[in-house]
N, C-alpha and C. Protein backbone atom coordinates (compact mmCIF):
# COMPACT_ATOMS: atom_id res chain seq x y z
N MET A 1 -29.28 23.81 -48.84
CA MET A 1 -30.74 24.56 -48.78
C MET A 1 -31.62 24.45 -47.19
N ILE A 2 -31.66 25.60 -46.43
CA ILE A 2 -31.82 24.94 -45.18
C ILE A 2 -33.94 25.20 -45.96
N ARG A 3 -34.87 24.59 -45.54
CA ARG A 3 -35.95 24.43 -44.71
C ARG A 3 -36.96 24.12 -43.68
N THR A 4 -37.77 25.51 -43.23
CA THR A 4 -38.03 25.92 -41.71
C THR A 4 -39.56 25.38 -42.71
N ALA A 5 -39.48 24.62 -40.99
CA ALA A 5 -41.17 25.05 -41.26
C ALA A 5 -42.10 26.13 -40.38
N MET A 6 -43.22 26.49 -40.46
CA MET A 6 -43.54 28.14 -39.83
C MET A 6 -45.28 27.56 -38.89
N LEU A 7 -45.96 27.92 -38.02
CA LEU A 7 -46.86 27.28 -37.80
C LEU A 7 -47.99 28.94 -38.09
N VAL A 8 -48.89 28.10 -38.98
CA VAL A 8 -49.83 29.43 -39.54
C VAL A 8 -51.09 28.62 -39.22
N GLY A 9 -51.68 30.21 -38.97
CA GLY A 9 -53.82 29.54 -37.81
C GLY A 9 -53.05 28.81 -37.38
N LEU A 10 -54.37 27.72 -37.52
CA LEU A 10 -53.98 26.66 -37.32
C LEU A 10 -53.55 25.00 -37.19
N GLY A 11 -52.65 25.30 -37.75
CA GLY A 11 -51.62 23.63 -38.25
C GLY A 11 -49.90 24.49 -38.57
N LEU A 12 -49.47 23.48 -38.46
CA LEU A 12 -47.76 23.99 -38.82
C LEU A 12 -48.47 23.49 -40.47
N VAL A 13 -46.83 24.12 -41.28
CA VAL A 13 -47.71 23.81 -42.38
C VAL A 13 -45.40 23.10 -43.08
N PHE A 14 -46.08 22.31 -44.30
CA PHE A 14 -45.00 21.83 -44.38
C PHE A 14 -44.85 21.95 -45.78
N GLY A 15 -44.31 21.41 -47.09
CA GLY A 15 -43.80 20.99 -48.19
C GLY A 15 -45.24 22.09 -49.71
N ALA A 16 -45.27 22.57 -49.70
CA ALA A 16 -46.00 23.11 -50.68
C ALA A 16 -45.00 24.06 -51.93
N ALA A 17 -45.04 24.27 -53.31
CA ALA A 17 -44.95 25.98 -54.13
C ALA A 17 -43.89 26.96 -53.80
N PRO A 18 -42.60 27.33 -53.21
CA PRO A 18 -42.94 28.20 -52.58
C PRO A 18 -43.36 29.45 -53.28
N ALA A 19 -43.43 30.54 -52.64
CA ALA A 19 -43.97 32.47 -53.44
C ALA A 19 -42.37 32.87 -54.36
N ALA A 20 -41.60 33.34 -54.34
CA ALA A 20 -40.87 33.97 -55.52
C ALA A 20 -40.54 34.89 -53.82
N ALA A 21 -40.72 35.38 -52.58
CA ALA A 21 -40.31 36.19 -52.30
C ALA A 21 -40.33 35.32 -50.33
N GLN A 22 -40.27 33.94 -50.35
CA GLN A 22 -39.90 32.82 -49.33
C GLN A 22 -39.32 32.05 -49.27
N GLN A 23 -37.75 32.76 -50.71
CA GLN A 23 -36.96 31.68 -50.99
C GLN A 23 -35.94 32.44 -51.59
N SER A 24 -34.23 32.59 -51.11
CA SER A 24 -33.52 32.81 -51.57
C SER A 24 -32.13 31.99 -52.04
N ALA A 25 -31.50 31.80 -52.05
CA ALA A 25 -29.95 31.02 -52.66
C ALA A 25 -29.84 30.65 -51.50
N SER A 26 -30.38 29.94 -50.32
CA SER A 26 -29.64 29.19 -49.05
C SER A 26 -31.41 29.03 -48.46
N HIS A 27 -31.78 29.48 -48.42
CA HIS A 27 -33.47 29.49 -47.67
C HIS A 27 -34.46 29.43 -48.48
N THR A 28 -35.87 28.22 -48.19
CA THR A 28 -36.66 27.87 -48.68
C THR A 28 -37.87 27.94 -47.87
N LEU A 29 -38.71 28.27 -47.93
CA LEU A 29 -39.62 28.11 -47.54
C LEU A 29 -41.67 27.03 -47.76
N GLU A 30 -41.52 26.75 -47.31
CA GLU A 30 -42.23 25.56 -47.90
C GLU A 30 -43.67 25.18 -46.90
N GLU A 31 -44.32 25.39 -47.95
CA GLU A 31 -45.81 25.42 -46.67
C GLU A 31 -46.76 24.38 -47.25
N HIS A 32 -47.80 23.36 -46.00
CA HIS A 32 -49.14 22.72 -46.30
C HIS A 32 -49.47 22.53 -45.38
N VAL A 33 -50.52 22.94 -45.09
CA VAL A 33 -51.67 22.68 -43.99
C VAL A 33 -51.37 21.58 -43.71
N PHE A 34 -51.13 20.96 -42.24
CA PHE A 34 -52.13 19.49 -41.95
C PHE A 34 -53.06 19.65 -41.34
N ASN A 35 -53.88 18.51 -41.43
CA ASN A 35 -55.44 18.64 -40.87
C ASN A 35 -55.47 16.45 -40.17
N ALA A 36 -56.50 16.81 -40.12
CA ALA A 36 -56.95 15.19 -40.07
C ALA A 36 -56.38 14.40 -38.71
N GLY A 37 -57.16 15.11 -37.23
CA GLY A 37 -55.76 15.16 -36.33
C GLY A 37 -54.56 14.61 -35.85
N GLY A 38 -54.42 15.56 -36.52
CA GLY A 38 -53.11 15.97 -36.82
C GLY A 38 -52.41 15.69 -37.04
N HIS A 39 -52.30 14.59 -38.12
CA HIS A 39 -51.35 13.52 -39.03
C HIS A 39 -51.89 13.77 -39.94
N PRO A 40 -50.76 13.99 -40.85
CA PRO A 40 -50.43 14.96 -42.36
C PRO A 40 -51.65 13.02 -43.09
N ALA A 41 -52.46 13.68 -43.91
CA ALA A 41 -52.69 13.47 -45.34
C ALA A 41 -51.45 12.40 -45.36
N ALA A 42 -52.60 10.63 -45.82
CA ALA A 42 -52.10 9.80 -46.07
C ALA A 42 -50.73 9.11 -44.64
N GLY A 43 -50.31 9.97 -44.42
CA GLY A 43 -49.66 9.19 -42.77
C GLY A 43 -48.10 9.50 -43.33
N VAL A 44 -48.27 10.76 -44.02
CA VAL A 44 -46.68 10.95 -44.31
C VAL A 44 -46.13 11.85 -43.18
N SER A 45 -44.67 11.81 -43.24
CA SER A 45 -44.88 12.62 -41.92
C SER A 45 -43.22 13.83 -42.58
N PRO A 46 -42.86 14.59 -42.71
CA PRO A 46 -41.63 15.60 -43.38
C PRO A 46 -40.25 14.58 -42.85
N ALA A 47 -39.24 13.58 -43.36
CA ALA A 47 -38.53 13.23 -43.03
C ALA A 47 -37.39 13.61 -44.26
N SER A 48 -36.02 13.13 -43.40
CA SER A 48 -34.59 13.01 -44.23
C SER A 48 -34.10 11.75 -43.73
N ALA A 49 -32.82 12.04 -44.46
CA ALA A 49 -31.49 11.28 -43.52
C ALA A 49 -31.01 11.31 -42.25
N SER A 50 -31.04 13.03 -41.97
CA SER A 50 -31.31 12.80 -40.04
C SER A 50 -32.37 13.37 -39.49
N HIS A 51 -33.31 13.37 -39.64
CA HIS A 51 -34.70 14.06 -39.19
C HIS A 51 -35.04 13.55 -39.43
N ARG A 52 -36.83 13.57 -38.25
CA ARG A 52 -37.87 12.90 -38.66
C ARG A 52 -38.87 13.59 -38.55
N ILE A 53 -40.41 14.15 -38.49
CA ILE A 53 -40.69 14.93 -37.41
C ILE A 53 -42.44 14.15 -37.40
N THR A 54 -42.56 14.35 -36.57
CA THR A 54 -43.66 12.98 -36.52
C THR A 54 -45.15 13.99 -36.17
N LEU A 55 -46.44 14.43 -36.38
CA LEU A 55 -46.64 15.67 -35.56
C LEU A 55 -48.53 13.87 -35.20
N GLY A 56 -48.53 13.79 -33.65
CA GLY A 56 -49.14 13.25 -33.18
C GLY A 56 -50.63 13.86 -32.32
N SER A 57 -50.99 15.42 -32.63
CA SER A 57 -52.18 15.72 -31.98
C SER A 57 -52.17 17.09 -32.09
N LEU A 58 -53.72 17.47 -32.14
CA LEU A 58 -53.84 18.31 -32.81
C LEU A 58 -54.64 19.84 -31.10
N GLY A 59 -53.90 20.56 -31.02
CA GLY A 59 -54.63 21.12 -30.11
C GLY A 59 -53.54 21.79 -28.68
N ASP A 60 -52.33 20.72 -28.73
CA ASP A 60 -51.18 21.19 -27.65
C ASP A 60 -49.95 20.99 -27.77
N ALA A 61 -49.73 21.90 -27.27
CA ALA A 61 -47.69 22.22 -28.38
C ALA A 61 -47.10 20.20 -28.84
N LEU A 62 -46.84 21.50 -30.42
CA LEU A 62 -45.32 20.13 -30.48
C LEU A 62 -44.22 20.01 -30.11
N ALA A 63 -44.29 21.13 -29.27
CA ALA A 63 -42.96 21.44 -28.74
C ALA A 63 -43.18 21.73 -27.05
N ALA A 64 -42.45 21.57 -26.10
CA ALA A 64 -42.48 22.08 -24.93
C ALA A 64 -42.16 22.87 -24.89
N PRO A 65 -41.01 23.28 -25.28
CA PRO A 65 -40.55 25.00 -25.31
C PRO A 65 -41.27 26.36 -26.32
N VAL A 66 -41.13 27.04 -25.80
CA VAL A 66 -41.55 28.20 -26.98
C VAL A 66 -40.36 29.04 -27.19
N LEU A 67 -40.43 28.55 -28.78
CA LEU A 67 -39.24 29.25 -29.41
C LEU A 67 -39.09 30.25 -29.86
N VAL A 68 -38.05 31.61 -28.89
CA VAL A 68 -37.95 32.66 -28.88
C VAL A 68 -37.56 33.45 -29.63
N GLY A 69 -36.94 34.28 -29.82
CA GLY A 69 -35.72 34.86 -30.73
C GLY A 69 -35.59 36.37 -30.62
N ALA A 70 -35.37 37.27 -31.11
CA ALA A 70 -35.02 38.72 -30.83
C ALA A 70 -36.74 39.57 -31.49
N THR A 71 -35.61 38.92 -33.30
CA THR A 71 -37.98 39.73 -34.01
C THR A 71 -38.73 38.18 -34.15
N SER A 72 -38.46 37.06 -33.17
CA SER A 72 -39.73 36.04 -33.82
C SER A 72 -40.00 34.87 -32.35
N GLU A 73 -41.20 34.62 -32.66
CA GLU A 73 -41.68 33.87 -31.55
C GLU A 73 -42.09 32.50 -32.10
N LEU A 74 -41.71 31.04 -32.37
CA LEU A 74 -42.89 30.36 -33.45
C LEU A 74 -43.11 29.13 -31.72
N SER A 75 -44.93 29.42 -31.51
CA SER A 75 -44.95 28.08 -30.54
C SER A 75 -46.32 26.56 -30.96
N GLY A 76 -46.54 25.57 -30.92
CA GLY A 76 -47.13 24.73 -30.65
C GLY A 76 -48.35 24.24 -30.30
N GLY A 77 -50.12 24.36 -31.31
CA GLY A 77 -50.97 23.62 -30.66
C GLY A 77 -51.47 25.61 -30.51
N PHE A 78 -52.74 24.51 -29.97
CA PHE A 78 -53.23 25.87 -29.52
C PHE A 78 -53.55 26.11 -27.38
N VAL A 79 -52.55 25.80 -27.08
CA VAL A 79 -52.36 25.30 -25.57
C VAL A 79 -52.16 27.63 -25.58
N LEU A 80 -50.79 27.93 -25.33
CA LEU A 80 -50.52 28.63 -24.99
C LEU A 80 -51.28 30.33 -25.84
N ALA A 81 -51.89 30.28 -27.06
CA ALA A 81 -52.66 31.01 -27.14
C ALA A 81 -53.93 31.20 -27.26
N TYR A 82 -54.67 30.14 -26.55
CA TYR A 82 -55.73 29.42 -25.64
C TYR A 82 -55.30 28.49 -24.48
N PRO A 83 -55.27 29.37 -23.32
CA PRO A 83 -54.75 28.40 -21.80
C PRO A 83 -56.15 28.38 -21.59
N PRO A 84 -56.48 27.40 -21.10
CA PRO A 84 -57.66 27.03 -20.46
C PRO A 84 -57.46 27.39 -19.11
N PRO A 85 -58.76 28.08 -18.86
CA PRO A 85 -59.22 28.18 -17.36
C PRO A 85 -59.66 28.12 -16.59
N GLY A 86 -58.43 29.09 -15.59
CA GLY A 86 -58.05 28.79 -14.35
C GLY A 86 -58.71 29.30 -13.49
N GLU A 87 -58.45 29.15 -11.89
CA GLU A 87 -59.07 29.95 -11.73
C GLU A 87 -59.03 30.80 -10.93
N VAL A 88 -60.28 32.09 -11.12
CA VAL A 88 -59.56 33.71 -10.22
C VAL A 88 -59.04 33.29 -8.74
N GLU A 89 -58.33 34.31 -8.79
CA GLU A 89 -57.61 34.80 -6.95
C GLU A 89 -57.99 36.08 -6.70
N GLY A 90 -57.80 36.55 -5.37
CA GLY A 90 -57.48 38.23 -5.28
C GLY A 90 -58.37 38.73 -4.99
N LEU A 91 -60.24 38.00 -5.14
CA LEU A 91 -61.15 39.15 -4.93
C LEU A 91 -61.00 39.88 -3.81
N ARG A 92 -61.46 41.06 -3.52
CA ARG A 92 -60.77 41.82 -2.86
C ARG A 92 -61.73 42.96 -2.33
N PHE A 93 -62.31 43.63 -1.82
CA PHE A 93 -62.80 45.43 -2.30
C PHE A 93 -61.94 46.10 -2.47
N THR A 94 -61.64 48.11 -2.55
CA THR A 94 -61.49 48.55 -2.70
C THR A 94 -61.16 49.67 -2.08
N ASP A 95 -62.89 49.98 -1.79
CA ASP A 95 -63.48 50.25 -1.58
C ASP A 95 -65.06 50.28 -1.45
N PRO A 96 -65.83 50.55 -1.09
CA PRO A 96 -67.22 50.13 0.14
C PRO A 96 -67.87 49.37 -1.71
N ALA A 97 -67.58 49.82 -2.37
CA ALA A 97 -68.38 49.86 -4.21
C ALA A 97 -67.27 48.14 -4.81
N THR A 98 -66.00 48.31 -5.44
CA THR A 98 -65.45 48.74 -6.44
C THR A 98 -64.33 46.77 -6.20
N LEU A 99 -64.84 45.98 -6.50
CA LEU A 99 -64.53 44.73 -6.81
C LEU A 99 -62.60 45.16 -7.64
N VAL A 100 -62.07 44.21 -7.36
CA VAL A 100 -60.87 43.99 -7.79
C VAL A 100 -60.01 42.46 -7.65
N TRP A 101 -59.55 41.74 -9.00
CA TRP A 101 -59.05 40.88 -8.89
C TRP A 101 -58.34 40.49 -9.96
N ASP A 102 -57.07 39.52 -9.05
CA ASP A 102 -55.84 39.27 -9.60
C ASP A 102 -55.89 39.12 -11.01
N ALA A 103 -55.63 39.02 -12.46
CA ALA A 103 -55.95 39.00 -13.73
C ALA A 103 -55.46 37.74 -14.21
N GLU A 104 -56.15 36.49 -14.66
CA GLU A 104 -55.87 35.59 -15.09
C GLU A 104 -55.22 35.29 -16.03
N ARG A 105 -53.94 34.38 -16.86
CA ARG A 105 -54.12 34.19 -17.72
C ARG A 105 -54.04 33.89 -18.82
N SER A 106 -56.05 33.29 -18.57
CA SER A 106 -56.29 32.44 -20.28
C SER A 106 -56.97 33.83 -20.66
N ALA A 107 -57.36 34.81 -19.71
CA ALA A 107 -58.58 35.58 -19.54
C ALA A 107 -58.76 36.49 -21.41
N GLY A 108 -60.08 36.19 -21.05
CA GLY A 108 -60.90 36.55 -21.95
C GLY A 108 -62.16 37.65 -21.96
N ARG A 109 -62.54 37.21 -20.84
CA ARG A 109 -63.62 38.14 -20.09
C ARG A 109 -63.85 36.87 -18.76
N TYR A 110 -64.51 37.67 -17.79
CA TYR A 110 -64.66 37.85 -16.53
C TYR A 110 -66.42 37.43 -16.02
N ASN A 111 -67.17 36.64 -15.39
CA ASN A 111 -68.52 36.96 -14.73
C ASN A 111 -68.24 36.68 -13.13
N LEU A 112 -69.52 37.68 -12.92
CA LEU A 112 -69.45 37.23 -11.91
C LEU A 112 -70.63 37.35 -10.74
N TYR A 113 -70.10 36.43 -10.02
CA TYR A 113 -71.03 35.51 -8.90
C TYR A 113 -71.64 36.46 -8.12
N ARG A 114 -73.39 36.94 -7.37
CA ARG A 114 -73.34 37.60 -6.07
C ARG A 114 -74.62 36.50 -5.91
N ALA A 115 -74.18 36.47 -4.60
CA ALA A 115 -75.81 35.63 -3.61
C ALA A 115 -75.25 36.03 -1.95
N GLU A 116 -76.94 36.00 -1.55
CA GLU A 116 -77.27 36.06 -0.07
C GLU A 116 -75.57 35.24 0.83
N VAL A 117 -75.64 35.36 1.96
CA VAL A 117 -73.84 34.33 2.39
C VAL A 117 -74.90 33.78 3.19
N SER A 118 -76.35 34.00 3.92
CA SER A 118 -77.60 33.00 4.10
C SER A 118 -77.40 31.23 3.17
N THR A 119 -77.18 31.31 1.88
CA THR A 119 -77.35 30.77 0.74
C THR A 119 -76.43 29.95 0.74
N LEU A 120 -75.75 30.00 1.76
CA LEU A 120 -73.59 29.02 1.35
C LEU A 120 -74.53 27.50 1.95
N GLY A 121 -75.19 27.20 2.35
CA GLY A 121 -75.24 25.92 3.06
C GLY A 121 -76.72 25.08 1.90
N GLY A 122 -76.72 25.99 0.39
CA GLY A 122 -77.38 25.39 -0.33
C GLY A 122 -76.66 24.98 -1.59
N LEU A 123 -75.59 25.44 -2.02
CA LEU A 123 -74.27 24.69 -2.87
C LEU A 123 -74.68 25.54 -3.76
N ALA A 124 -75.51 26.20 -4.07
CA ALA A 124 -75.36 27.17 -5.08
C ALA A 124 -74.14 28.36 -5.50
N TYR A 125 -73.71 28.45 -4.71
CA TYR A 125 -71.91 29.90 -5.18
C TYR A 125 -73.12 30.75 -5.44
N GLY A 126 -74.29 31.49 -5.82
CA GLY A 126 -73.98 32.76 -6.29
C GLY A 126 -75.73 32.44 -7.55
N THR A 127 -75.38 33.74 -8.30
CA THR A 127 -76.48 33.52 -9.03
C THR A 127 -75.46 34.89 -10.43
N CYS A 128 -75.68 34.43 -11.71
CA CYS A 128 -74.75 35.95 -12.58
C CYS A 128 -75.28 36.55 -12.67
N ALA A 129 -73.96 37.64 -11.42
CA ALA A 129 -74.86 39.11 -11.09
C ALA A 129 -74.36 40.40 -12.44
N GLU A 130 -73.20 40.09 -13.17
CA GLU A 130 -72.47 40.64 -14.49
C GLU A 130 -71.82 39.15 -15.41
N LEU A 131 -71.94 39.24 -16.12
CA LEU A 131 -71.56 38.85 -17.20
C LEU A 131 -70.32 39.16 -18.40
N GLY A 132 -69.28 38.65 -18.71
CA GLY A 132 -68.34 39.49 -19.68
C GLY A 132 -68.20 40.31 -19.67
N LEU A 133 -67.42 40.78 -18.07
CA LEU A 133 -67.09 42.02 -17.84
C LEU A 133 -65.75 41.60 -18.64
N GLY A 134 -64.94 42.61 -18.88
CA GLY A 134 -63.45 42.50 -20.26
C GLY A 134 -62.12 43.37 -18.60
N ALA A 135 -62.20 43.53 -18.06
CA ALA A 135 -61.04 43.98 -17.47
C ALA A 135 -61.45 43.26 -15.72
N PRO A 136 -60.56 43.13 -14.85
CA PRO A 136 -60.17 42.70 -13.18
C PRO A 136 -61.30 43.82 -12.32
N THR A 137 -61.94 44.01 -13.12
CA THR A 137 -62.76 44.28 -12.27
C THR A 137 -64.04 45.01 -12.85
N THR A 138 -65.22 45.83 -11.23
CA THR A 138 -66.55 46.15 -11.12
C THR A 138 -66.62 46.65 -9.78
N THR A 139 -67.31 47.09 -10.21
CA THR A 139 -69.03 47.44 -9.21
C THR A 139 -69.84 47.32 -8.73
N ASP A 140 -70.30 47.29 -7.53
CA ASP A 140 -70.78 47.20 -7.37
C ASP A 140 -71.78 47.92 -5.07
N ALA A 141 -72.84 48.36 -6.01
CA ALA A 141 -73.52 48.75 -4.89
C ALA A 141 -74.50 48.91 -4.27
N THR A 142 -74.69 47.05 -4.62
CA THR A 142 -75.80 46.45 -4.37
C THR A 142 -76.15 46.93 -2.28
N PRO A 143 -77.08 47.81 -1.78
CA PRO A 143 -77.92 47.62 -0.74
C PRO A 143 -77.45 46.42 -0.10
N VAL A 144 -77.10 46.29 2.02
CA VAL A 144 -76.80 44.98 2.28
C VAL A 144 -78.13 45.47 3.82
N ALA A 145 -79.25 43.97 3.71
CA ALA A 145 -79.74 44.72 4.59
C ALA A 145 -79.43 44.66 6.65
N PRO A 146 -79.36 44.68 7.09
CA PRO A 146 -78.57 44.84 8.50
C PRO A 146 -78.72 43.85 8.84
N GLY A 147 -77.79 42.97 9.30
CA GLY A 147 -78.34 41.13 9.81
C GLY A 147 -78.17 40.81 8.83
N SER A 148 -77.79 41.10 6.99
CA SER A 148 -77.05 40.09 6.35
C SER A 148 -75.80 39.84 5.54
N GLY A 149 -75.69 39.68 4.56
CA GLY A 149 -74.59 39.71 3.74
C GLY A 149 -74.58 39.00 3.33
N LEU A 150 -73.23 39.71 1.55
CA LEU A 150 -73.30 38.75 0.33
C LEU A 150 -71.95 38.32 0.09
N PHE A 151 -71.56 37.76 -0.33
CA PHE A 151 -70.34 37.11 -1.24
C PHE A 151 -70.51 37.42 -2.38
N PHE A 152 -69.41 36.79 -3.14
CA PHE A 152 -69.20 36.82 -4.19
C PHE A 152 -67.94 35.71 -4.57
N LEU A 153 -67.87 35.57 -6.30
CA LEU A 153 -67.43 34.88 -6.52
C LEU A 153 -67.06 35.33 -8.09
N VAL A 154 -65.73 34.82 -8.28
CA VAL A 154 -65.05 35.29 -10.34
C VAL A 154 -64.68 34.18 -11.23
N THR A 155 -65.94 34.21 -12.55
CA THR A 155 -65.23 33.42 -13.30
C THR A 155 -64.17 33.83 -13.80
N VAL A 156 -63.45 32.89 -14.80
CA VAL A 156 -63.19 33.31 -15.79
C VAL A 156 -63.32 32.63 -17.14
N GLU A 157 -63.03 32.70 -18.18
CA GLU A 157 -63.55 32.62 -19.69
C GLU A 157 -62.89 32.75 -20.40
N ASN A 158 -62.28 31.39 -21.57
CA ASN A 158 -60.51 32.43 -22.25
C ASN A 158 -61.13 32.97 -23.00
N ARG A 159 -61.00 33.31 -24.83
CA ARG A 159 -60.86 32.97 -25.46
C ARG A 159 -61.96 32.47 -26.45
N LEU A 160 -61.60 30.64 -26.23
CA LEU A 160 -63.04 30.36 -27.23
C LEU A 160 -64.22 29.83 -26.25
N GLY A 161 -64.84 29.97 -25.04
CA GLY A 161 -65.17 30.57 -24.28
C GLY A 161 -65.56 29.55 -23.28
N GLU A 162 -64.17 28.63 -23.09
CA GLU A 162 -64.34 27.56 -21.86
C GLU A 162 -64.42 28.46 -20.36
N GLU A 163 -65.48 28.60 -19.43
CA GLU A 163 -65.63 28.97 -18.05
C GLU A 163 -64.74 27.97 -17.39
N GLY A 164 -63.89 28.57 -16.13
CA GLY A 164 -63.11 28.30 -15.58
C GLY A 164 -63.97 27.94 -14.03
N THR A 165 -62.99 27.44 -13.49
CA THR A 165 -63.93 26.55 -12.07
C THR A 165 -64.56 28.08 -11.09
N LYS A 166 -65.29 27.60 -9.77
CA LYS A 166 -65.53 29.11 -9.16
C LYS A 166 -64.80 29.04 -7.91
N GLY A 167 -63.96 27.43 -8.00
CA GLY A 167 -63.68 27.24 -6.69
C GLY A 167 -63.68 26.37 -6.42
N TYR A 168 -62.86 25.82 -5.46
CA TYR A 168 -62.90 24.70 -4.61
C TYR A 168 -64.07 24.75 -2.98
N ARG A 169 -64.56 23.34 -2.71
CA ARG A 169 -64.61 23.82 -1.27
C ARG A 169 -63.58 23.19 0.14
N GLY A 170 -63.97 23.79 1.03
CA GLY A 170 -62.78 22.77 2.63
C GLY A 170 -62.89 21.51 2.15
N ASP A 171 -63.62 20.59 1.10
CA ASP A 171 -63.15 19.12 1.51
C ASP A 171 -62.13 19.38 -0.28
N GLY A 172 -61.95 19.93 -0.64
CA GLY A 172 -61.93 19.85 -2.32
C GLY A 172 -62.14 19.11 -3.23
N ALA A 173 -63.47 19.15 -3.31
CA ALA A 173 -64.47 19.45 -3.84
C ALA A 173 -64.65 20.78 -5.29
N GLU A 174 -64.77 19.91 -6.52
CA GLU A 174 -65.17 22.24 -6.87
C GLU A 174 -66.28 22.38 -6.49
N ARG A 175 -66.83 23.50 -6.30
CA ARG A 175 -67.74 24.68 -6.60
C ARG A 175 -69.00 24.30 -7.05
N THR A 176 -70.46 24.42 -8.04
CA THR A 176 -71.04 23.63 -8.79
C THR A 176 -71.83 24.74 -9.13
N GLY A 177 -72.65 24.34 -9.74
CA GLY A 177 -73.86 25.42 -9.14
C GLY A 177 -74.56 26.52 -10.34
N THR A 178 -75.07 27.16 -10.58
CA THR A 178 -75.82 28.28 -11.83
C THR A 178 -74.22 28.76 -12.40
N VAL A 179 -74.37 28.83 -13.68
CA VAL A 179 -73.21 29.30 -15.02
C VAL A 179 -74.07 30.47 -15.65
N CYS A 180 -72.94 31.52 -16.08
CA CYS A 180 -73.52 32.27 -16.76
C CYS A 180 -73.90 32.18 -17.57
N PRO A 181 -75.48 33.09 -18.14
CA PRO A 181 -75.56 32.14 -19.85
C PRO A 181 -74.19 32.41 -20.96
């Protein structure tokens, strides 16, 4: 008989009594949810004479590759569903008021920072001009005084609400400053 482990909710599942719809003559699906930081209760790991499955972390993928079939996909942990926020790249104007940028893979929403170019020496990197943008575009028609200019930075928040970097300075240090509320 083939036994199958399945990813459900936040954990890999093993072991309980299957419902009638979860079994056939050649296949049984058994379920239990693990917890306690990724270690099953009492330290028991699923095993047989030919294999042993040991779970050592919660949040990272249990297997490096994603298993994909024609009708299904199996991945482990939060990393694939909730990747850490990265750096937003490709910020540009498509016309005098429309900003666009490259979509970031972890995107839940974007935050736009804006300030006068003259403030760059203070290393503040702008204040929050727009919070929670749902797409990689926005408009900004803020008038610019003669002889001055504005700069813009965009950050991404992943679906867990973690905000990514504003990028890195020329010396390699991460840009800091105020964050959107």
